[in-house]
Amino acid sequence: ADGRSLTETVLQLSTSVTSLQRQPAPVSAEPRIGLPDKWNGVDGRPDGLLATLDMLFECQPTKYATARAKVAMLTSLLSGQAQEWAAALYNNKSAACNDYALFVEELKKTFVPLSSEVECPR
């Protein structure tokens, strides 16, 4: 009897999923934003990447509701040294992994040379 009730439950779930998939997307769907290229921590600066992510988080607030979701998204767009650095923070359970602003600050501190971060008056 258990086998049949499990099969029935699976069929009901399958039917529910199918009917949900057929419903039109809500009109207030969050806009899709193209993702920037990955950044390796060496070439150029992360400014464009970070600005695009800020726009993404602003336009898709429900998808990126937590700091951890934002950190995960940024981490997925890192490569090379920057990705290894982020993995080390995650593996060491760094507080920065739960605080997007802190994570970005640490990223900049680690990879953006101080001279290019602060504009000195001439």
PDB file of N, CA and C in Angstrom:
ATOM      1  N   ALA A   1       0.836  -1.208   0.000  1.00  0.00           N
ATOM      2  CA  ALA A   1       0.000   0.000   0.000  1.00  0.00           C
ATOM      3  C   ALA A   1       0.864   1.248   0.000  1.00  0.00           C
ATOM      4  N   ASP A   2       2.009   1.192   0.703  1.00  0.00           N
ATOM      5  CA  ASP A   2       2.893   2.354   0.762  1.00  0.00           C
ATOM      6  C   ASP A   2       3.417   2.724  -0.615  1.00  0.00           C
ATOM      7  N   GLY A   3       3.762   1.708  -1.401  1.00  0.00           N
ATOM      8  CA  GLY A   3       4.275   1.947  -2.744  1.00  0.00           C
ATOM      9  C   GLY A   3       3.281   2.702  -3.597  1.00  0.00           C
ATOM     10  N   ARG A   4       2.002   2.348  -3.493  1.00  0.00           N
ATOM     11  CA  ARG A   4       0.983   2.997  -4.322  1.00  0.00           C
ATOM     12  C   ARG A   4       0.773   4.446  -3.865  1.00  0.00           C
ATOM     13  N   SER A   5       0.736   4.677  -2.533  1.00  0.00           N
ATOM     14  CA  SER A   5       0.503   6.047  -2.064  1.00  0.00           C
ATOM     15  C   SER A   5       1.671   6.957  -2.457  1.00  0.00           C
ATOM     16  N   LEU A   6       2.882   6.409  -2.457  1.00  0.00           N
ATOM     17  CA  LEU A   6       4.041   7.190  -2.885  1.00  0.00           C
ATOM     18  C   LEU A   6       3.917   7.543  -4.364  1.00  0.00           C
ATOM     19  N   THR A   7       3.519   6.563  -5.167  1.00  0.00           N
ATOM     20  CA  THR A   7       3.329   6.799  -6.600  1.00  0.00           C
ATOM     21  C   THR A   7       2.263   7.861  -6.830  1.00  0.00           C
ATOM     22  N   GLU A   8       1.166   7.763  -6.070  1.00  0.00           N
ATOM     23  CA  GLU A   8       0.091   8.755  -6.210  1.00  0.00           C
ATOM     24  C   GLU A   8       0.590  10.152  -5.846  1.00  0.00           C
ATOM     25  N   THR A   9       1.377  10.234  -4.770  1.00  0.00           N
ATOM     26  CA  THR A   9       1.922  11.526  -4.342  1.00  0.00           C
ATOM     27  C   THR A   9       2.820  12.114  -5.427  1.00  0.00           C
ATOM     28  N   VAL A  10       3.678  11.280  -5.993  1.00  0.00           N
ATOM     29  CA  VAL A  10       4.573  11.735  -7.062  1.00  0.00           C
ATOM     30  C   VAL A  10       3.757  12.239  -8.252  1.00  0.00           C
ATOM     31  N   LEU A  11       2.709  11.506  -8.609  1.00  0.00           N
ATOM     32  CA  LEU A  11       1.856  11.929  -9.726  1.00  0.00           C
ATOM     33  C   LEU A  11       1.173  13.260  -9.430  1.00  0.00           C
ATOM     34  N   GLN A  12       0.684  13.425  -8.192  1.00  0.00           N
ATOM     35  CA  GLN A  12       0.033  14.687  -7.811  1.00  0.00           C
ATOM     36  C   GLN A  12       1.023  15.848  -7.896  1.00  0.00           C
ATOM     37  N   LEU A  13       2.235  15.621  -7.371  1.00  0.00           N
ATOM     38  CA  LEU A  13       3.266  16.667  -7.422  1.00  0.00           C
ATOM     39  C   LEU A  13       3.609  17.009  -8.865  1.00  0.00           C
ATOM     40  N   SER A  14       3.750  15.990  -9.675  1.00  0.00           N
ATOM     41  CA  SER A  14       4.074  16.183 -11.087  1.00  0.00           C
ATOM     42  C   SER A  14       2.991  17.010 -11.781  1.00  0.00           C
ATOM     43  N   THR A  15       1.729  16.696 -11.487  1.00  0.00           N
ATOM     44  CA  THR A  15       0.603  17.440 -12.070  1.00  0.00           C
ATOM     45  C   THR A  15       0.623  18.892 -11.598  1.00  0.00           C
ATOM     46  N   SER A  16       0.907  19.098 -10.299  1.00  0.00           N
ATOM     47  CA  SER A  16       0.962  20.457  -9.747  1.00  0.00           C
ATOM     48  C   SER A  16       2.054  21.279 -10.420  1.00  0.00           C
ATOM     49  N   VAL A  17       3.230  20.670 -10.573  1.00  0.00           N
ATOM     50  CA  VAL A  17       4.354  21.362 -11.209  1.00  0.00           C
ATOM     51  C   VAL A  17       3.997  21.741 -12.640  1.00  0.00           C
ATOM     52  N   THR A  18       3.398  20.801 -13.373  1.00  0.00           N
ATOM     53  CA  THR A  18       3.015  21.062 -14.762  1.00  0.00           C
ATOM     54  C   THR A  18       2.036  22.222 -14.846  1.00  0.00           C
ATOM     55  N   SER A  19       1.032  22.245 -13.954  1.00  0.00           N
ATOM     56  CA  SER A  19       0.049  23.338 -14.016  1.00  0.00           C
ATOM     57  C   SER A  19       0.689  24.669 -13.626  1.00  0.00           C
ATOM     58  N   LEU A  20       1.641  24.642 -12.689  1.00  0.00           N
ATOM     59  CA  LEU A  20       2.343  25.878 -12.320  1.00  0.00           C
ATOM     60  C   LEU A  20       3.187  26.386 -13.487  1.00  0.00           C
ATOM     61  N   GLN A  21       3.821  25.455 -14.203  1.00  0.00           N
ATOM     62  CA  GLN A  21       4.663  25.847 -15.334  1.00  0.00           C
ATOM     63  C   GLN A  21       3.832  26.452 -16.460  1.00  0.00           C
ATOM     64  N   ARG A  22       2.560  26.073 -16.553  1.00  0.00           N
ATOM     65  CA  ARG A  22       1.704  26.581 -17.627  1.00  0.00           C
ATOM     66  C   ARG A  22       1.189  27.985 -17.333  1.00  0.00           C
ATOM     67  N   GLN A  23       1.218  28.378 -16.059  1.00  0.00           N
ATOM     68  CA  GLN A  23       0.719  29.710 -15.710  1.00  0.00           C
ATOM     69  C   GLN A  23       1.655  30.761 -16.298  1.00  0.00           C
ATOM     70  N   PRO A  24       1.087  31.852 -16.830  1.00  0.00           N
ATOM     71  CA  PRO A  24       1.952  32.897 -17.380  1.00  0.00           C
ATOM     72  C   PRO A  24       2.774  33.548 -16.271  1.00  0.00           C
ATOM     73  N   ALA A  25       3.950  34.004 -16.632  1.00  0.00           N
ATOM     74  CA  ALA A  25       4.797  34.686 -15.656  1.00  0.00           C
ATOM     75  C   ALA A  25       4.103  35.967 -15.209  1.00  0.00           C
ATOM     76  N   PRO A  26       4.257  36.340 -13.946  1.00  0.00           N
ATOM     77  CA  PRO A  26       3.618  37.579 -13.498  1.00  0.00           C
ATOM     78  C   PRO A  26       4.150  38.777 -14.285  1.00  0.00           C
ATOM     79  N   VAL A  27       3.296  39.779 -14.452  1.00  0.00           N
ATOM     80  CA  VAL A  27       3.666  40.954 -15.243  1.00  0.00           C
ATOM     81  C   VAL A  27       4.844  41.680 -14.604  1.00  0.00           C
ATOM     82  N   SER A  28       4.920  41.633 -13.281  1.00  0.00           N
ATOM     83  CA  SER A  28       5.986  42.348 -12.583  1.00  0.00           C
ATOM     84  C   SER A  28       7.268  41.520 -12.495  1.00  0.00           C
ATOM     85  N   ALA A  29       7.491  40.662 -13.479  1.00  0.00           N
ATOM     86  CA  ALA A  29       8.695  39.833 -13.464  1.00  0.00           C
ATOM     87  C   ALA A  29       9.931  40.731 -13.426  1.00  0.00           C
ATOM     88  N   GLU A  30      10.911  40.286 -12.666  1.00  0.00           N
ATOM     89  CA  GLU A  30      12.140  41.070 -12.552  1.00  0.00           C
ATOM     90  C   GLU A  30      12.889  40.998 -13.879  1.00  0.00           C
ATOM     91  N   PRO A  31      13.439  42.133 -14.320  1.00  0.00           N
ATOM     92  CA  PRO A  31      14.124  42.147 -15.623  1.00  0.00           C
ATOM     93  C   PRO A  31      15.386  41.291 -15.605  1.00  0.00           C
ATOM     94  N   ARG A  32      15.684  40.715 -16.749  1.00  0.00           N
ATOM     95  CA  ARG A  32      16.929  39.952 -16.879  1.00  0.00           C
ATOM     96  C   ARG A  32      18.048  40.930 -17.214  1.00  0.00           C
ATOM     97  N   ILE A  33      19.185  40.726 -16.594  1.00  0.00           N
ATOM     98  CA  ILE A  33      20.345  41.581 -16.857  1.00  0.00           C
ATOM     99  C   ILE A  33      21.487  40.661 -17.247  1.00  0.00           C
ATOM    100  N   GLY A  34      22.159  40.995 -18.334  1.00  0.00           N
ATOM    101  CA  GLY A  34      23.293  40.183 -18.769  1.00  0.00           C
ATOM    102  C   GLY A  34      24.412  40.251 -17.747  1.00  0.00           C
ATOM    103  N   LEU A  35      25.057  39.122 -17.520  1.00  0.00           N
ATOM    104  CA  LEU A  35      26.135  39.084 -16.542  1.00  0.00           C
ATOM    105  C   LEU A  35      27.442  39.551 -17.167  1.00  0.00           C
ATOM    106  N   PRO A  36      28.244  40.266 -16.384  1.00  0.00           N
ATOM    107  CA  PRO A  36      29.539  40.729 -16.898  1.00  0.00           C
ATOM    108  C   PRO A  36      30.525  39.565 -17.003  1.00  0.00           C
ATOM    109  N   ASP A  37      31.641  39.807 -17.669  1.00  0.00           N
ATOM    110  CA  ASP A  37      32.690  38.794 -17.769  1.00  0.00           C
ATOM    111  C   ASP A  37      33.277  38.529 -16.386  1.00  0.00           C
ATOM    112  N   LYS A  38      33.845  37.344 -16.231  1.00  0.00           N
ATOM    113  CA  LYS A  38      34.505  37.013 -14.964  1.00  0.00           C
ATOM    114  C   LYS A  38      35.747  37.887 -14.802  1.00  0.00           C
ATOM    115  N   TRP A  39      36.108  38.148 -13.550  1.00  0.00           N
ATOM    116  CA  TRP A  39      37.287  38.966 -13.254  1.00  0.00           C
ATOM    117  C   TRP A  39      38.269  38.125 -12.463  1.00  0.00           C
ATOM    118  N   ASN A  40      39.551  38.175 -12.862  1.00  0.00           N
ATOM    119  CA  ASN A  40      40.552  37.300 -12.251  1.00  0.00           C
ATOM    120  C   ASN A  40      41.354  37.950 -11.127  1.00  0.00           C
ATOM    121  N   GLY A  41      41.069  39.220 -10.833  1.00  0.00           N
ATOM    122  CA  GLY A  41      41.796  39.881  -9.759  1.00  0.00           C
ATOM    123  C   GLY A  41      43.094  40.517 -10.223  1.00  0.00           C
ATOM    124  N   VAL A  42      43.461  40.303 -11.490  1.00  0.00           N
ATOM    125  CA  VAL A  42      44.733  40.812 -12.004  1.00  0.00           C
ATOM    126  C   VAL A  42      44.523  41.857 -13.098  1.00  0.00           C
ATOM    127  N   ASP A  43      43.716  41.512 -14.090  1.00  0.00           N
ATOM    128  CA  ASP A  43      43.523  42.399 -15.241  1.00  0.00           C
ATOM    129  C   ASP A  43      42.463  43.455 -14.955  1.00  0.00           C
ATOM    130  N   GLY A  44      42.862  44.720 -15.066  1.00  0.00           N
ATOM    131  CA  GLY A  44      41.902  45.802 -14.890  1.00  0.00           C
ATOM    132  C   GLY A  44      41.407  45.921 -13.463  1.00  0.00           C
ATOM    133  N   ARG A  45      40.222  46.499 -13.340  1.00  0.00           N
ATOM    134  CA  ARG A  45      39.623  46.733 -12.027  1.00  0.00           C
ATOM    135  C   ARG A  45      38.230  46.093 -11.989  1.00  0.00           C
ATOM    136  N   PRO A  46      37.708  45.863 -10.786  1.00  0.00           N
ATOM    137  CA  PRO A  46      36.395  45.221 -10.674  1.00  0.00           C
ATOM    138  C   PRO A  46      35.215  46.193 -10.745  1.00  0.00           C
ATOM    139  N   ASP A  47      35.473  47.477 -11.015  1.00  0.00           N
ATOM    140  CA  ASP A  47      34.409  48.493 -10.936  1.00  0.00           C
ATOM    141  C   ASP A  47      33.200  48.175 -11.817  1.00  0.00           C
ATOM    142  N   GLY A  48      33.448  47.797 -13.069  1.00  0.00           N
ATOM    143  CA  GLY A  48      32.345  47.493 -13.980  1.00  0.00           C
ATOM    144  C   GLY A  48      31.541  46.300 -13.498  1.00  0.00           C
ATOM    145  N   LEU A  49      32.243  45.268 -13.058  1.00  0.00           N
ATOM    146  CA  LEU A  49      31.606  44.068 -12.525  1.00  0.00           C
ATOM    147  C   LEU A  49      30.732  44.420 -11.323  1.00  0.00           C
ATOM    148  N   LEU A  50      31.277  45.194 -10.393  1.00  0.00           N
ATOM    149  CA  LEU A  50      30.542  45.544  -9.172  1.00  0.00           C
ATOM    150  C   LEU A  50      29.341  46.430  -9.473  1.00  0.00           C
ATOM    151  N   ALA A  51      29.501  47.361 -10.422  1.00  0.00           N
ATOM    152  CA  ALA A  51      28.379  48.240 -10.789  1.00  0.00           C
ATOM    153  C   ALA A  51      27.251  47.426 -11.418  1.00  0.00           C
ATOM    154  N   THR A  52      27.615  46.488 -12.302  1.00  0.00           N
ATOM    155  CA  THR A  52      26.599  45.642 -12.935  1.00  0.00           C
ATOM    156  C   THR A  52      25.872  44.809 -11.885  1.00  0.00           C
ATOM    157  N   LEU A  53      26.621  44.277 -10.919  1.00  0.00           N
ATOM    158  CA  LEU A  53      25.994  43.480  -9.862  1.00  0.00           C
ATOM    159  C   LEU A  53      25.066  44.337  -9.006  1.00  0.00           C
ATOM    160  N   ASP A  54      25.477  45.575  -8.699  1.00  0.00           N
ATOM    161  CA  ASP A  54      24.603  46.467  -7.926  1.00  0.00           C
ATOM    162  C   ASP A  54      23.279  46.674  -8.655  1.00  0.00           C
ATOM    163  N   MET A  55      23.355  46.870  -9.976  1.00  0.00           N
ATOM    164  CA  MET A  55      22.129  47.044 -10.771  1.00  0.00           C
ATOM    165  C   MET A  55      21.296  45.758 -10.752  1.00  0.00           C
ATOM    166  N   LEU A  56      21.970  44.622 -10.890  1.00  0.00           N
ATOM    167  CA  LEU A  56      21.290  43.330 -10.875  1.00  0.00           C
ATOM    168  C   LEU A  56      20.546  43.134  -9.556  1.00  0.00           C
ATOM    169  N   PHE A  57      21.220  43.412  -8.438  1.00  0.00           N
ATOM    170  CA  PHE A  57      20.613  43.224  -7.120  1.00  0.00           C
ATOM    171  C   PHE A  57      19.436  44.172  -6.923  1.00  0.00           C
ATOM    172  N   GLU A  58      19.550  45.376  -7.489  1.00  0.00           N
ATOM    173  CA  GLU A  58      18.482  46.368  -7.386  1.00  0.00           C
ATOM    174  C   GLU A  58      17.258  45.937  -8.204  1.00  0.00           C
ATOM    175  N   CYS A  59      17.509  45.386  -9.391  1.00  0.00           N
ATOM    176  CA  CYS A  59      16.417  44.999 -10.292  1.00  0.00           C
ATOM    177  C   CYS A  59      15.818  43.633  -9.956  1.00  0.00           C
ATOM    178  N   GLN A  60      16.554  42.816  -9.217  1.00  0.00           N
ATOM    179  CA  GLN A  60      16.060  41.481  -8.861  1.00  0.00           C
ATOM    180  C   GLN A  60      16.160  41.263  -7.345  1.00  0.00           C
ATOM    181  N   PRO A  61      15.452  42.108  -6.583  1.00  0.00           N
ATOM    182  CA  PRO A  61      15.606  42.061  -5.123  1.00  0.00           C
ATOM    183  C   PRO A  61      15.159  40.748  -4.486  1.00  0.00           C
ATOM    184  N   THR A  62      14.165  40.086  -5.055  1.00  0.00           N
ATOM    185  CA  THR A  62      13.713  38.836  -4.433  1.00  0.00           C
ATOM    186  C   THR A  62      14.712  37.707  -4.666  1.00  0.00           C
ATOM    187  N   LYS A  63      15.358  37.719  -5.820  1.00  0.00           N
ATOM    188  CA  LYS A  63      16.341  36.672  -6.133  1.00  0.00           C
ATOM    189  C   LYS A  63      17.602  36.825  -5.277  1.00  0.00           C
ATOM    190  N   TYR A  64      17.966  38.079  -5.000  1.00  0.00           N
ATOM    191  CA  TYR A  64      19.177  38.341  -4.214  1.00  0.00           C
ATOM    192  C   TYR A  64      18.798  39.056  -2.916  1.00  0.00           C
ATOM    193  N   ALA A  65      17.934  38.412  -2.137  1.00  0.00           N
ATOM    194  CA  ALA A  65      17.402  39.036  -0.924  1.00  0.00           C
ATOM    195  C   ALA A  65      18.407  39.022   0.228  1.00  0.00           C
ATOM    196  N   THR A  66      19.350  38.082   0.196  1.00  0.00           N
ATOM    197  CA  THR A  66      20.293  37.982   1.315  1.00  0.00           C
ATOM    198  C   THR A  66      21.700  38.384   0.887  1.00  0.00           C
ATOM    199  N   ALA A  67      22.487  38.801   1.872  1.00  0.00           N
ATOM    200  CA  ALA A  67      23.885  39.155   1.606  1.00  0.00           C
ATOM    201  C   ALA A  67      24.631  37.934   1.070  1.00  0.00           C
ATOM    202  N   ARG A  68      24.288  36.774   1.595  1.00  0.00           N
ATOM    203  CA  ARG A  68      24.969  35.545   1.169  1.00  0.00           C
ATOM    204  C   ARG A  68      24.705  35.243  -0.304  1.00  0.00           C
ATOM    205  N   ALA A  69      23.483  35.504  -0.762  1.00  0.00           N
ATOM    206  CA  ALA A  69      23.153  35.290  -2.177  1.00  0.00           C
ATOM    207  C   ALA A  69      23.961  36.248  -3.054  1.00  0.00           C
ATOM    208  N   LYS A  70      24.134  37.477  -2.582  1.00  0.00           N
ATOM    209  CA  LYS A  70      24.918  38.470  -3.334  1.00  0.00           C
ATOM    210  C   LYS A  70      26.391  38.061  -3.385  1.00  0.00           C
ATOM    211  N   VAL A  71      26.922  37.620  -2.246  1.00  0.00           N
ATOM    212  CA  VAL A  71      28.321  37.174  -2.197  1.00  0.00           C
ATOM    213  C   VAL A  71      28.517  35.974  -3.126  1.00  0.00           C
ATOM    214  N   ALA A  72      27.559  35.054  -3.121  1.00  0.00           N
ATOM    215  CA  ALA A  72      27.656  33.867  -3.985  1.00  0.00           C
ATOM    216  C   ALA A  72      27.659  34.280  -5.454  1.00  0.00           C
ATOM    217  N   MET A  73      26.818  35.245  -5.803  1.00  0.00           N
ATOM    218  CA  MET A  73      26.758  35.711  -7.191  1.00  0.00           C
ATOM    219  C   MET A  73      28.084  36.344  -7.597  1.00  0.00           C
ATOM    220  N   LEU A  74      28.619  37.219  -6.743  1.00  0.00           N
ATOM    221  CA  LEU A  74      29.900  37.859  -7.044  1.00  0.00           C
ATOM    222  C   LEU A  74      30.995  36.799  -7.161  1.00  0.00           C
ATOM    223  N   THR A  75      31.017  35.862  -6.236  1.00  0.00           N
ATOM    224  CA  THR A  75      32.037  34.809  -6.250  1.00  0.00           C
ATOM    225  C   THR A  75      31.980  34.004  -7.546  1.00  0.00           C
ATOM    226  N   SER A  76      30.769  33.771  -8.051  1.00  0.00           N
ATOM    227  CA  SER A  76      30.623  32.990  -9.287  1.00  0.00           C
ATOM    228  C   SER A  76      31.185  33.736 -10.497  1.00  0.00           C
ATOM    229  N   LEU A  77      31.394  35.055 -10.347  1.00  0.00           N
ATOM    230  CA  LEU A  77      31.932  35.856 -11.453  1.00  0.00           C
ATOM    231  C   LEU A  77      33.418  36.170 -11.267  1.00  0.00           C
ATOM    232  N   LEU A  78      34.043  35.484 -10.326  1.00  0.00           N
ATOM    233  CA  LEU A  78      35.482  35.642 -10.135  1.00  0.00           C
ATOM    234  C   LEU A  78      36.182  34.433 -10.746  1.00  0.00           C
ATOM    235  N   SER A  79      37.430  34.643 -11.163  1.00  0.00           N
ATOM    236  CA  SER A  79      38.220  33.536 -11.700  1.00  0.00           C
ATOM    237  C   SER A  79      39.649  33.683 -11.198  1.00  0.00           C
ATOM    238  N   GLY A  80      40.467  32.703 -11.470  1.00  0.00           N
ATOM    239  CA  GLY A  80      41.884  32.773 -11.124  1.00  0.00           C
ATOM    240  C   GLY A  80      42.135  33.081  -9.657  1.00  0.00           C
ATOM    241  N   GLN A  81      43.071  34.033  -9.416  1.00  0.00           N
ATOM    242  CA  GLN A  81      43.464  34.386  -8.051  1.00  0.00           C
ATOM    243  C   GLN A  81      42.286  34.891  -7.231  1.00  0.00           C
ATOM    244  N   ALA A  82      41.421  35.685  -7.857  1.00  0.00           N
ATOM    245  CA  ALA A  82      40.282  36.251  -7.134  1.00  0.00           C
ATOM    246  C   ALA A  82      39.335  35.143  -6.670  1.00  0.00           C
ATOM    247  N   GLN A  83      39.131  34.142  -7.522  1.00  0.00           N
ATOM    248  CA  GLN A  83      38.248  33.030  -7.154  1.00  0.00           C
ATOM    249  C   GLN A  83      38.863  32.201  -6.026  1.00  0.00           C
ATOM    250  N   GLU A  84      40.173  31.982  -6.099  1.00  0.00           N
ATOM    251  CA  GLU A  84      40.858  31.226  -5.042  1.00  0.00           C
ATOM    252  C   GLU A  84      40.772  31.973  -3.720  1.00  0.00           C
ATOM    253  N   TRP A  85      40.921  33.299  -3.781  1.00  0.00           N
ATOM    254  CA  TRP A  85      40.812  34.139  -2.586  1.00  0.00           C
ATOM    255  C   TRP A  85      39.416  33.999  -1.976  1.00  0.00           C
ATOM    256  N   ALA A  86      38.379  34.082  -2.817  1.00  0.00           N
ATOM    257  CA  ALA A  86      36.996  33.981  -2.340  1.00  0.00           C
ATOM    258  C   ALA A  86      36.729  32.593  -1.748  1.00  0.00           C
ATOM    259  N   ALA A  87      37.271  31.558  -2.384  1.00  0.00           N
ATOM    260  CA  ALA A  87      37.086  30.190  -1.880  1.00  0.00           C
ATOM    261  C   ALA A  87      37.721  30.045  -0.497  1.00  0.00           C
ATOM    262  N   ALA A  88      38.893  30.661  -0.308  1.00  0.00           N
ATOM    263  CA  ALA A  88      39.564  30.603   0.995  1.00  0.00           C
ATOM    264  C   ALA A  88      38.709  31.283   2.068  1.00  0.00           C
ATOM    265  N   LEU A  89      38.119  32.431   1.732  1.00  0.00           N
ATOM    266  CA  LEU A  89      37.237  33.119   2.693  1.00  0.00           C
ATOM    267  C   LEU A  89      36.065  32.219   3.060  1.00  0.00           C
ATOM    268  N   TYR A  90      35.461  31.621   2.042  1.00  0.00           N
ATOM    269  CA  TYR A  90      34.297  30.754   2.269  1.00  0.00           C
ATOM    270  C   TYR A  90      34.679  29.548   3.132  1.00  0.00           C
ATOM    271  N   ASN A  91      35.783  28.899   2.772  1.00  0.00           N
ATOM    272  CA  ASN A  91      36.220  27.699   3.497  1.00  0.00           C
ATOM    273  C   ASN A  91      36.605  28.003   4.939  1.00  0.00           C
ATOM    274  N   ASN A  92      37.076  29.228   5.190  1.00  0.00           N
ATOM    275  CA  ASN A  92      37.441  29.636   6.552  1.00  0.00           C
ATOM    276  C   ASN A  92      36.263  30.254   7.292  1.00  0.00           C
ATOM    277  N   LYS A  93      35.072  30.179   6.697  1.00  0.00           N
ATOM    278  CA  LYS A  93      33.843  30.727   7.279  1.00  0.00           C
ATOM    279  C   LYS A  93      34.006  32.189   7.692  1.00  0.00           C
ATOM    280  N   SER A  94      34.628  32.960   6.822  1.00  0.00           N
ATOM    281  CA  SER A  94      34.847  34.384   7.089  1.00  0.00           C
ATOM    282  C   SER A  94      33.518  35.120   7.230  1.00  0.00           C
ATOM    283  N   ALA A  95      33.490  36.099   8.132  1.00  0.00           N
ATOM    284  CA  ALA A  95      32.288  36.927   8.327  1.00  0.00           C
ATOM    285  C   ALA A  95      31.932  37.666   7.042  1.00  0.00           C
ATOM    286  N   ALA A  96      32.925  37.922   6.196  1.00  0.00           N
ATOM    287  CA  ALA A  96      32.685  38.657   4.943  1.00  0.00           C
ATOM    288  C   ALA A  96      31.723  37.903   4.026  1.00  0.00           C
ATOM    289  N   CYS A  97      31.630  36.591   4.177  1.00  0.00           N
ATOM    290  CA  CYS A  97      30.721  35.804   3.329  1.00  0.00           C
ATOM    291  C   CYS A  97      29.256  36.062   3.670  1.00  0.00           C
ATOM    292  N   ASN A  98      29.004  36.672   4.822  1.00  0.00           N
ATOM    293  CA  ASN A  98      27.633  36.990   5.239  1.00  0.00           C
ATOM    294  C   ASN A  98      27.349  38.484   5.168  1.00  0.00           C
ATOM    295  N   ASP A  99      28.280  39.251   4.611  1.00  0.00           N
ATOM    296  CA  ASP A  99      28.137  40.711   4.557  1.00  0.00           C
ATOM    297  C   ASP A  99      28.699  41.186   3.216  1.00  0.00           C
ATOM    298  N   TYR A 100      27.802  41.477   2.267  1.00  0.00           N
ATOM    299  CA  TYR A 100      28.240  41.804   0.906  1.00  0.00           C
ATOM    300  C   TYR A 100      29.171  43.017   0.874  1.00  0.00           C
ATOM    301  N   ALA A 101      28.808  44.078   1.606  1.00  0.00           N
ATOM    302  CA  ALA A 101      29.634  45.295   1.598  1.00  0.00           C
ATOM    303  C   ALA A 101      31.040  44.992   2.120  1.00  0.00           C
ATOM    304  N   LEU A 102      31.126  44.197   3.169  1.00  0.00           N
ATOM    305  CA  LEU A 102      32.424  43.815   3.732  1.00  0.00           C
ATOM    306  C   LEU A 102      33.203  42.956   2.736  1.00  0.00           C
ATOM    307  N   PHE A 103      32.516  42.048   2.061  1.00  0.00           N
ATOM    308  CA  PHE A 103      33.153  41.180   1.071  1.00  0.00           C
ATOM    309  C   PHE A 103      33.768  42.020  -0.052  1.00  0.00           C
ATOM    310  N   VAL A 104      32.997  43.004  -0.544  1.00  0.00           N
ATOM    311  CA  VAL A 104      33.488  43.883  -1.615  1.00  0.00           C
ATOM    312  C   VAL A 104      34.682  44.695  -1.117  1.00  0.00           C
ATOM    313  N   GLU A 105      34.585  45.183   0.122  1.00  0.00           N
ATOM    314  CA  GLU A 105      35.680  45.965   0.714  1.00  0.00           C
ATOM    315  C   GLU A 105      36.951  45.119   0.789  1.00  0.00           C
ATOM    316  N   GLU A 106      36.811  43.872   1.245  1.00  0.00           N
ATOM    317  CA  GLU A 106      37.963  42.963   1.344  1.00  0.00           C
ATOM    318  C   GLU A 106      38.526  42.645  -0.044  1.00  0.00           C
ATOM    319  N   LEU A 107      37.646  42.457  -1.010  1.00  0.00           N
ATOM    320  CA  LEU A 107      38.062  42.181  -2.386  1.00  0.00           C
ATOM    321  C   LEU A 107      38.918  43.335  -2.913  1.00  0.00           C
ATOM    322  N   LYS A 108      38.419  44.561  -2.716  1.00  0.00           N
ATOM    323  CA  LYS A 108      39.155  45.737  -3.191  1.00  0.00           C
ATOM    324  C   LYS A 108      40.479  45.886  -2.448  1.00  0.00           C
ATOM    325  N   LYS A 109      40.459  45.676  -1.126  1.00  0.00           N
ATOM    326  CA  LYS A 109      41.679  45.788  -0.324  1.00  0.00           C
ATOM    327  C   LYS A 109      42.733  44.815  -0.818  1.00  0.00           C
ATOM    328  N   THR A 110      42.280  43.624  -1.212  1.00  0.00           N
ATOM    329  CA  THR A 110      43.201  42.567  -1.618  1.00  0.00           C
ATOM    330  C   THR A 110      43.713  42.746  -3.042  1.00  0.00           C
ATOM    331  N   PHE A 111      42.838  43.187  -3.954  1.00  0.00           N
ATOM    332  CA  PHE A 111      43.202  43.166  -5.374  1.00  0.00           C
ATOM    333  C   PHE A 111      43.362  44.520  -6.051  1.00  0.00           C
ATOM    334  N   VAL A 112      42.833  45.593  -5.457  1.00  0.00           N
ATOM    335  CA  VAL A 112      42.951  46.902  -6.105  1.00  0.00           C
ATOM    336  C   VAL A 112      44.066  47.668  -5.410  1.00  0.00           C
ATOM    337  N   PRO A 113      45.143  47.989  -6.141  1.00  0.00           N
ATOM    338  CA  PRO A 113      46.255  48.714  -5.521  1.00  0.00           C
ATOM    339  C   PRO A 113      45.769  50.035  -4.931  1.00  0.00           C
ATOM    340  N   LEU A 114      46.302  50.387  -3.776  1.00  0.00           N
ATOM    341  CA  LEU A 114      45.870  51.589  -3.062  1.00  0.00           C
ATOM    342  C   LEU A 114      46.008  52.836  -3.920  1.00  0.00           C
ATOM    343  N   SER A 115      47.079  52.915  -4.709  1.00  0.00           N
ATOM    344  CA  SER A 115      47.314  54.117  -5.522  1.00  0.00           C
ATOM    345  C   SER A 115      46.181  54.369  -6.513  1.00  0.00           C
ATOM    346  N   SER A 116      45.573  53.302  -7.031  1.00  0.00           N
ATOM    347  CA  SER A 116      44.502  53.507  -8.009  1.00  0.00           C
ATOM    348  C   SER A 116      43.144  53.628  -7.324  1.00  0.00           C
ATOM    349  N   GLU A 117      43.085  53.288  -6.040  1.00  0.00           N
ATOM    350  CA  GLU A 117      41.828  53.359  -5.292  1.00  0.00           C
ATOM    351  C   GLU A 117      41.567  54.795  -4.826  1.00  0.00           C
ATOM    352  N   VAL A 118      42.623  55.501  -4.436  1.00  0.00           N
ATOM    353  CA  VAL A 118      42.477  56.860  -3.907  1.00  0.00           C
ATOM    354  C   VAL A 118      43.055  57.851  -4.908  1.00  0.00           C
ATOM    355  N   GLU A 119      42.235  58.776  -5.350  1.00  0.00           N
ATOM    356  CA  GLU A 119      42.715  59.811  -6.270  1.00  0.00           C
ATOM    357  C   GLU A 119      43.406  60.904  -5.456  1.00  0.00           C
ATOM    358  N   CYS A 120      44.686  61.082  -5.682  1.00  0.00           N
ATOM    359  CA  CYS A 120      45.416  62.115  -4.946  1.00  0.00           C
ATOM    360  C   CYS A 120      45.321  63.439  -5.694  1.00  0.00           C
ATOM    361  N   PRO A 121      45.008  64.525  -4.974  1.00  0.00           N
ATOM    362  CA  PRO A 121      44.974  65.827  -5.656  1.00  0.00           C
ATOM    363  C   PRO A 121      46.383  66.213  -6.092  1.00  0.00           C
ATOM    364  N   ARG A 122      46.487  66.811  -7.271  1.00  0.00           N
ATOM    365  CA  ARG A 122      47.814  67.206  -7.782  1.00  0.00           C
ATOM    366  C   ARG A 122      48.063  68.673  -7.540  1.00  0.00           C
TER     367      ARG A 122
END
